[in-house]
Amino acid sequence: MSTAPDTRFEQAALARGFTRIAGVDEVGRGPLCGPVTAAAVVLDLSCLPEGLNDSKKLSAKRRAALVAQITATADVSVAHASVAEIDALNILQASHLAMIRAIEGLKTPPDHVLIDGNRLPKALTISAEAIVKGDARSVSIAAASILAKEIRDALMVDLAQQYPGYGWERNAGYPTRDHLQALLDLGVTPVHRRSFKPVHNILCQDISVTR
């Protein structure tokens, strides 16, 4: 049985009278550094890019090609919540903030949104539904997952040039062995999330100086 996302959720919303449906997803909850990034995408269902799928199931080359196709035919918006906001709010609330910003950044407001996960942002004021594993089930959410991942990965490559040695161009800030070792060896950067346990522990124990 194929697990590729399809248009069933979009078609069901259209059948209920909605006319402009956005898929929303975020990336970057797990990393120890950098922002959390969300994307909102309103696809033209009559002109879908081929091969849309959960971003984690696609190669970097395929994701890059799909980003070009998505942005050429869809209304898209990408937004972030900063490290400071993550530390102040918690990662769930910060990811919801990024989602709201992405939705608000669309050229034309949607009247219904499909959101990956099992919770809706409390601040959302339009019709919405949460879809567990939505990036593998809804084409709109899949498109949003691809866009969010590509944008955030590129941002982490830029940050890796500013703070070399942590391997962010490879690990995107996730707590890989080389990243954790670099934290011990090089210290905590301004873009590390101080509320996350591995970072917090290093700061509390004063194992190494901050950069």
C-alpha atoms as a PDB file:
ATOM      1  CA  MET A   1       0.000   0.000   0.000  1.00  0.00           C
ATOM      2  CA  SER A   2       1.380   3.391  -0.992  1.00  0.00           C
ATOM      3  CA  THR A   3       2.051   5.846   1.806  1.00  0.00           C
ATOM      4  CA  ALA A   4       2.486   8.864  -0.447  1.00  0.00           C
ATOM      5  CA  PRO A   5       0.407  11.896   0.550  1.00  0.00           C
ATOM      6  CA  ASP A   6      -2.696  12.689  -1.485  1.00  0.00           C
ATOM      7  CA  THR A   7      -5.421  15.333  -1.756  1.00  0.00           C
ATOM      8  CA  ARG A   8      -8.106  13.657   0.374  1.00  0.00           C
ATOM      9  CA  PHE A   9      -7.942  16.228   3.189  1.00  0.00           C
ATOM     10  CA  GLU A  10      -7.938  19.129   0.743  1.00  0.00           C
ATOM     11  CA  GLN A  11     -10.864  17.652  -1.209  1.00  0.00           C
ATOM     12  CA  ALA A  12     -12.815  17.038   1.995  1.00  0.00           C
ATOM     13  CA  ALA A  13     -12.334  20.676   3.013  1.00  0.00           C
ATOM     14  CA  LEU A  14     -13.428  21.858  -0.433  1.00  0.00           C
ATOM     15  CA  ALA A  15     -16.535  19.669  -0.125  1.00  0.00           C
ATOM     16  CA  ARG A  16     -17.348  21.449   3.161  1.00  0.00           C
ATOM     17  CA  GLY A  17     -17.292  24.806   1.374  1.00  0.00           C
ATOM     18  CA  PHE A  18     -13.774  26.040   2.033  1.00  0.00           C
ATOM     19  CA  THR A  19     -12.025  27.547  -0.962  1.00  0.00           C
ATOM     20  CA  ARG A  20      -8.454  28.311   0.100  1.00  0.00           C
ATOM     21  CA  ILE A  21      -6.725  25.558   2.038  1.00  0.00           C
ATOM     22  CA  ALA A  22      -3.213  25.878   3.444  1.00  0.00           C
ATOM     23  CA  GLY A  23      -0.931  23.096   4.622  1.00  0.00           C
ATOM     24  CA  VAL A  24       1.321  23.993   7.541  1.00  0.00           C
ATOM     25  CA  ASP A  25       4.336  22.210   9.006  1.00  0.00           C
ATOM     26  CA  GLU A  26       7.372  23.064  11.099  1.00  0.00           C
ATOM     27  CA  VAL A  27      10.909  21.797  11.341  1.00  0.00           C
ATOM     28  CA  GLY A  28      13.528  22.251  14.022  1.00  0.00           C
ATOM     29  CA  ARG A  29      11.940  21.226  17.315  1.00  0.00           C
ATOM     30  CA  GLY A  30      14.736  18.806  18.181  1.00  0.00           C
ATOM     31  CA  PRO A  31      17.943  20.776  17.473  1.00  0.00           C
ATOM     32  CA  LEU A  32      19.982  22.347  20.255  1.00  0.00           C
ATOM     33  CA  CYS A  33      20.419  25.604  18.344  1.00  0.00           C
ATOM     34  CA  GLY A  34      18.898  27.861  15.749  1.00  0.00           C
ATOM     35  CA  PRO A  35      15.284  28.875  15.210  1.00  0.00           C
ATOM     36  CA  VAL A  36      12.243  26.709  14.693  1.00  0.00           C
ATOM     37  CA  THR A  37      10.918  27.207  11.159  1.00  0.00           C
ATOM     38  CA  ALA A  38       7.396  26.837   9.794  1.00  0.00           C
ATOM     39  CA  ALA A  39       5.972  26.985   6.295  1.00  0.00           C
ATOM     40  CA  ALA A  40       2.447  27.521   5.026  1.00  0.00           C
ATOM     41  CA  VAL A  41       1.554  26.480   1.471  1.00  0.00           C
ATOM     42  CA  VAL A  42      -1.609  26.897  -0.575  1.00  0.00           C
ATOM     43  CA  LEU A  43      -1.227  24.553  -3.531  1.00  0.00           C
ATOM     44  CA  ASP A  44      -2.945  24.758  -6.886  1.00  0.00           C
ATOM     45  CA  LEU A  45      -4.534  21.299  -6.785  1.00  0.00           C
ATOM     46  CA  SER A  46      -4.842  21.295 -10.574  1.00  0.00           C
ATOM     47  CA  CYS A  47      -1.085  21.775 -10.939  1.00  0.00           C
ATOM     48  CA  LEU A  48       0.603  19.654  -8.280  1.00  0.00           C
ATOM     49  CA  PRO A  49       4.366  19.097  -8.353  1.00  0.00           C
ATOM     50  CA  GLU A  50       5.114  15.413  -8.855  1.00  0.00           C
ATOM     51  CA  GLY A  51       6.644  13.434  -6.028  1.00  0.00           C
ATOM     52  CA  LEU A  52       5.469  15.455  -3.035  1.00  0.00           C
ATOM     53  CA  ASN A  53       6.199  13.532   0.138  1.00  0.00           C
ATOM     54  CA  ASP A  54       7.309  13.882   3.733  1.00  0.00           C
ATOM     55  CA  SER A  55      10.567  15.865   3.512  1.00  0.00           C
ATOM     56  CA  LYS A  56      12.381  13.228   5.591  1.00  0.00           C
ATOM     57  CA  LYS A  57      11.752  10.644   2.853  1.00  0.00           C
ATOM     58  CA  LEU A  58      13.322  12.735   0.076  1.00  0.00           C
ATOM     59  CA  SER A  59      16.928  13.337  -0.936  1.00  0.00           C
ATOM     60  CA  ALA A  60      18.357  16.843  -0.664  1.00  0.00           C
ATOM     61  CA  LYS A  61      18.483  17.068  -4.467  1.00  0.00           C
ATOM     62  CA  ARG A  62      14.822  16.071  -4.793  1.00  0.00           C
ATOM     63  CA  ARG A  63      13.754  18.511  -2.077  1.00  0.00           C
ATOM     64  CA  ALA A  64      15.569  21.374  -3.814  1.00  0.00           C
ATOM     65  CA  ALA A  65      13.850  20.560  -7.113  1.00  0.00           C
ATOM     66  CA  LEU A  66      10.463  20.393  -5.414  1.00  0.00           C
ATOM     67  CA  VAL A  67      10.995  23.729  -3.657  1.00  0.00           C
ATOM     68  CA  ALA A  68      11.441  25.370  -7.061  1.00  0.00           C
ATOM     69  CA  GLN A  69       8.251  23.738  -8.347  1.00  0.00           C
ATOM     70  CA  ILE A  70       6.238  24.555  -5.220  1.00  0.00           C
ATOM     71  CA  THR A  71       7.248  28.217  -5.144  1.00  0.00           C
ATOM     72  CA  ALA A  72       6.521  28.568  -8.876  1.00  0.00           C
ATOM     73  CA  THR A  73       2.883  27.490  -8.583  1.00  0.00           C
ATOM     74  CA  ALA A  74       1.765  27.939  -4.969  1.00  0.00           C
ATOM     75  CA  ASP A  75       1.257  30.727  -2.448  1.00  0.00           C
ATOM     76  CA  VAL A  76       3.977  30.076   0.120  1.00  0.00           C
ATOM     77  CA  SER A  77       5.196  31.669   3.324  1.00  0.00           C
ATOM     78  CA  VAL A  78       8.041  30.712   5.667  1.00  0.00           C
ATOM     79  CA  ALA A  79       8.513  32.117   9.176  1.00  0.00           C
ATOM     80  CA  HIS A  80      10.638  31.482  12.254  1.00  0.00           C
ATOM     81  CA  ALA A  81      10.565  31.695  16.019  1.00  0.00           C
ATOM     82  CA  SER A  82      13.925  32.738  17.427  1.00  0.00           C
ATOM     83  CA  VAL A  83      16.160  31.044  19.960  1.00  0.00           C
ATOM     84  CA  ALA A  84      15.158  33.716  22.495  1.00  0.00           C
ATOM     85  CA  GLU A  85      11.480  32.971  21.856  1.00  0.00           C
ATOM     86  CA  ILE A  86      12.083  29.220  22.176  1.00  0.00           C
ATOM     87  CA  ASP A  87      13.800  29.740  25.530  1.00  0.00           C
ATOM     88  CA  ALA A  88      11.096  32.125  26.746  1.00  0.00           C
ATOM     89  CA  LEU A  89       8.004  30.225  25.577  1.00  0.00           C
ATOM     90  CA  ASN A  90       9.085  26.532  25.265  1.00  0.00           C
ATOM     91  CA  ILE A  91       9.593  24.731  21.978  1.00  0.00           C
ATOM     92  CA  LEU A  92       5.943  23.742  21.425  1.00  0.00           C
ATOM     93  CA  GLN A  93       4.625  27.278  21.870  1.00  0.00           C
ATOM     94  CA  ALA A  94       7.471  28.694  19.778  1.00  0.00           C
ATOM     95  CA  SER A  95       6.711  26.254  16.952  1.00  0.00           C
ATOM     96  CA  HIS A  96       3.053  27.308  17.085  1.00  0.00           C
ATOM     97  CA  LEU A  97       4.153  30.962  16.953  1.00  0.00           C
ATOM     98  CA  ALA A  98       6.195  30.235  13.826  1.00  0.00           C
ATOM     99  CA  MET A  99       3.163  28.495  12.290  1.00  0.00           C
ATOM    100  CA  ILE A 100       0.910  31.507  12.964  1.00  0.00           C
ATOM    101  CA  ARG A 101       3.502  33.821  11.424  1.00  0.00           C
ATOM    102  CA  ALA A 102       3.764  31.596   8.347  1.00  0.00           C
ATOM    103  CA  ILE A 103      -0.023  31.554   7.884  1.00  0.00           C
ATOM    104  CA  GLU A 104      -0.191  35.335   8.308  1.00  0.00           C
ATOM    105  CA  GLY A 105       2.571  35.737   5.722  1.00  0.00           C
ATOM    106  CA  LEU A 106       0.562  34.196   2.875  1.00  0.00           C
ATOM    107  CA  LYS A 107      -0.367  36.639   0.122  1.00  0.00           C
ATOM    108  CA  THR A 108      -4.065  35.810   0.488  1.00  0.00           C
ATOM    109  CA  PRO A 109      -5.389  34.527   3.827  1.00  0.00           C
ATOM    110  CA  PRO A 110      -6.581  30.906   3.802  1.00  0.00           C
ATOM    111  CA  ASP A 111     -10.023  29.982   5.111  1.00  0.00           C
ATOM    112  CA  HIS A 112      -8.937  26.541   6.355  1.00  0.00           C
ATOM    113  CA  VAL A 113      -5.573  25.164   7.432  1.00  0.00           C
ATOM    114  CA  LEU A 114      -4.254  21.615   7.690  1.00  0.00           C
ATOM    115  CA  ILE A 115      -1.604  21.429  10.414  1.00  0.00           C
ATOM    116  CA  ASP A 116       0.842  18.606  10.957  1.00  0.00           C
ATOM    117  CA  GLY A 117       0.646  17.105  14.443  1.00  0.00           C
ATOM    118  CA  ASN A 118      -1.951  16.583  17.120  1.00  0.00           C
ATOM    119  CA  ARG A 119      -2.355  20.123  18.458  1.00  0.00           C
ATOM    120  CA  LEU A 120      -3.535  23.384  16.966  1.00  0.00           C
ATOM    121  CA  PRO A 121      -1.980  26.729  17.905  1.00  0.00           C
ATOM    122  CA  LYS A 122      -4.233  28.401  20.474  1.00  0.00           C
ATOM    123  CA  ALA A 123      -3.853  31.765  18.748  1.00  0.00           C
ATOM    124  CA  LEU A 124      -5.294  30.442  15.479  1.00  0.00           C
ATOM    125  CA  THR A 125      -8.484  32.299  14.568  1.00  0.00           C
ATOM    126  CA  ILE A 126      -9.511  30.459  11.383  1.00  0.00           C
ATOM    127  CA  SER A 127     -10.878  26.995  10.687  1.00  0.00           C
ATOM    128  CA  ALA A 128      -8.207  24.326  11.129  1.00  0.00           C
ATOM    129  CA  GLU A 129      -7.602  20.644  11.679  1.00  0.00           C
ATOM    130  CA  ALA A 130      -4.593  18.840  13.104  1.00  0.00           C
ATOM    131  CA  ILE A 131      -3.447  15.772  11.170  1.00  0.00           C
ATOM    132  CA  VAL A 132      -1.100  13.304  12.835  1.00  0.00           C
ATOM    133  CA  LYS A 133       1.735  12.433  10.436  1.00  0.00           C
ATOM    134  CA  GLY A 134       0.164  14.912   8.052  1.00  0.00           C
ATOM    135  CA  ASP A 135       3.382  15.381   6.081  1.00  0.00           C
ATOM    136  CA  ALA A 136       2.959  11.795   4.844  1.00  0.00           C
ATOM    137  CA  ARG A 137      -0.806  12.089   4.285  1.00  0.00           C
ATOM    138  CA  SER A 138      -1.620  15.556   2.880  1.00  0.00           C
ATOM    139  CA  VAL A 139       0.069  17.019  -0.211  1.00  0.00           C
ATOM    140  CA  SER A 140      -0.254  20.541   1.204  1.00  0.00           C
ATOM    141  CA  ILE A 141       1.447  19.616   4.483  1.00  0.00           C
ATOM    142  CA  ALA A 142       4.104  17.624   2.579  1.00  0.00           C
ATOM    143  CA  ALA A 143       4.871  20.715   0.499  1.00  0.00           C
ATOM    144  CA  ALA A 144       5.123  22.806   3.678  1.00  0.00           C
ATOM    145  CA  SER A 145       7.472  20.254   5.273  1.00  0.00           C
ATOM    146  CA  ILE A 146       9.775  20.344   2.238  1.00  0.00           C
ATOM    147  CA  LEU A 147       9.871  24.136   2.159  1.00  0.00           C
ATOM    148  CA  ALA A 148      10.463  24.499   5.907  1.00  0.00           C
ATOM    149  CA  LYS A 149      13.277  21.950   5.931  1.00  0.00           C
ATOM    150  CA  GLU A 150      15.093  23.434   2.944  1.00  0.00           C
ATOM    151  CA  ILE A 151      14.919  26.968   4.332  1.00  0.00           C
ATOM    152  CA  ARG A 152      16.044  25.960   7.814  1.00  0.00           C
ATOM    153  CA  ASP A 153      18.854  23.716   6.541  1.00  0.00           C
ATOM    154  CA  ALA A 154      20.193  26.607   4.438  1.00  0.00           C
ATOM    155  CA  LEU A 155      20.008  28.902   7.457  1.00  0.00           C
ATOM    156  CA  MET A 156      21.996  26.399   9.534  1.00  0.00           C
ATOM    157  CA  VAL A 157      24.665  26.208   6.816  1.00  0.00           C
ATOM    158  CA  ASP A 158      25.005  29.998   7.085  1.00  0.00           C
ATOM    159  CA  LEU A 159      25.247  29.803  10.885  1.00  0.00           C
ATOM    160  CA  ALA A 160      27.877  27.055  10.555  1.00  0.00           C
ATOM    161  CA  GLN A 161      30.110  29.541   8.737  1.00  0.00           C
ATOM    162  CA  GLN A 162      29.704  32.030  11.591  1.00  0.00           C
ATOM    163  CA  TYR A 163      30.334  29.384  14.261  1.00  0.00           C
ATOM    164  CA  PRO A 164      32.597  26.717  12.748  1.00  0.00           C
ATOM    165  CA  GLY A 165      33.332  23.435  14.461  1.00  0.00           C
ATOM    166  CA  TYR A 166      29.833  22.312  15.442  1.00  0.00           C
ATOM    167  CA  GLY A 167      29.011  20.599  12.154  1.00  0.00           C
ATOM    168  CA  TRP A 168      25.708  22.412  11.639  1.00  0.00           C
ATOM    169  CA  GLU A 169      26.129  22.168   7.867  1.00  0.00           C
ATOM    170  CA  ARG A 170      25.776  18.395   8.383  1.00  0.00           C
ATOM    171  CA  ASN A 171      23.648  17.994  11.510  1.00  0.00           C
ATOM    172  CA  ALA A 172      21.405  21.109  11.209  1.00  0.00           C
ATOM    173  CA  GLY A 173      21.874  21.659  14.937  1.00  0.00           C
ATOM    174  CA  TYR A 174      20.568  18.277  16.082  1.00  0.00           C
ATOM    175  CA  PRO A 175      22.362  16.669  19.061  1.00  0.00           C
ATOM    176  CA  THR A 176      24.670  14.384  17.132  1.00  0.00           C
ATOM    177  CA  ARG A 177      27.824  13.044  18.749  1.00  0.00           C
ATOM    178  CA  ASP A 178      30.047  15.592  16.976  1.00  0.00           C
ATOM    179  CA  HIS A 179      27.768  18.475  17.969  1.00  0.00           C
ATOM    180  CA  LEU A 180      27.696  17.408  21.632  1.00  0.00           C
ATOM    181  CA  GLN A 181      31.488  17.016  21.647  1.00  0.00           C
ATOM    182  CA  ALA A 182      31.899  20.457  20.080  1.00  0.00           C
ATOM    183  CA  LEU A 183      29.703  21.929  22.830  1.00  0.00           C
ATOM    184  CA  LEU A 184      32.122  20.529  25.398  1.00  0.00           C
ATOM    185  CA  ASP A 185      35.221  21.562  23.450  1.00  0.00           C
ATOM    186  CA  LEU A 186      34.157  24.954  22.110  1.00  0.00           C
ATOM    187  CA  GLY A 187      31.407  26.090  24.453  1.00  0.00           C
ATOM    188  CA  VAL A 188      27.918  27.475  24.012  1.00  0.00           C
ATOM    189  CA  THR A 189      27.211  29.955  21.203  1.00  0.00           C
ATOM    190  CA  PRO A 190      24.635  32.773  21.212  1.00  0.00           C
ATOM    191  CA  VAL A 191      22.411  30.683  18.938  1.00  0.00           C
ATOM    192  CA  HIS A 192      22.243  27.674  21.263  1.00  0.00           C
ATOM    193  CA  ARG A 193      18.955  27.075  23.082  1.00  0.00           C
ATOM    194  CA  ARG A 194      19.754  27.547  26.746  1.00  0.00           C
ATOM    195  CA  SER A 195      16.503  25.904  27.865  1.00  0.00           C
ATOM    196  CA  PHE A 196      17.511  22.600  26.225  1.00  0.00           C
ATOM    197  CA  LYS A 197      19.035  20.144  28.691  1.00  0.00           C
ATOM    198  CA  PRO A 198      22.452  19.422  27.057  1.00  0.00           C
ATOM    199  CA  VAL A 199      23.100  23.170  26.701  1.00  0.00           C
ATOM    200  CA  HIS A 200      21.655  24.034  30.105  1.00  0.00           C
ATOM    201  CA  ASN A 201      23.785  21.382  31.803  1.00  0.00           C
ATOM    202  CA  ILE A 202      26.989  22.709  30.276  1.00  0.00           C
ATOM    203  CA  LEU A 203      26.157  26.260  31.350  1.00  0.00           C
ATOM    204  CA  CYS A 204      25.165  25.176  34.876  1.00  0.00           C
ATOM    205  CA  GLN A 205      28.279  23.101  35.397  1.00  0.00           C
ATOM    206  CA  ASP A 206      30.451  25.765  33.777  1.00  0.00           C
ATOM    207  CA  ILE A 207      32.314  22.964  31.978  1.00  0.00           C
ATOM    208  CA  SER A 208      33.496  25.388  29.330  1.00  0.00           C
ATOM    209  CA  VAL A 209      33.381  29.082  28.646  1.00  0.00           C
ATOM    210  CA  THR A 210      30.759  30.487  26.318  1.00  0.00           C
ATOM    211  CA  ARG A 211      31.823  31.781  22.969  1.00  0.00           C
END
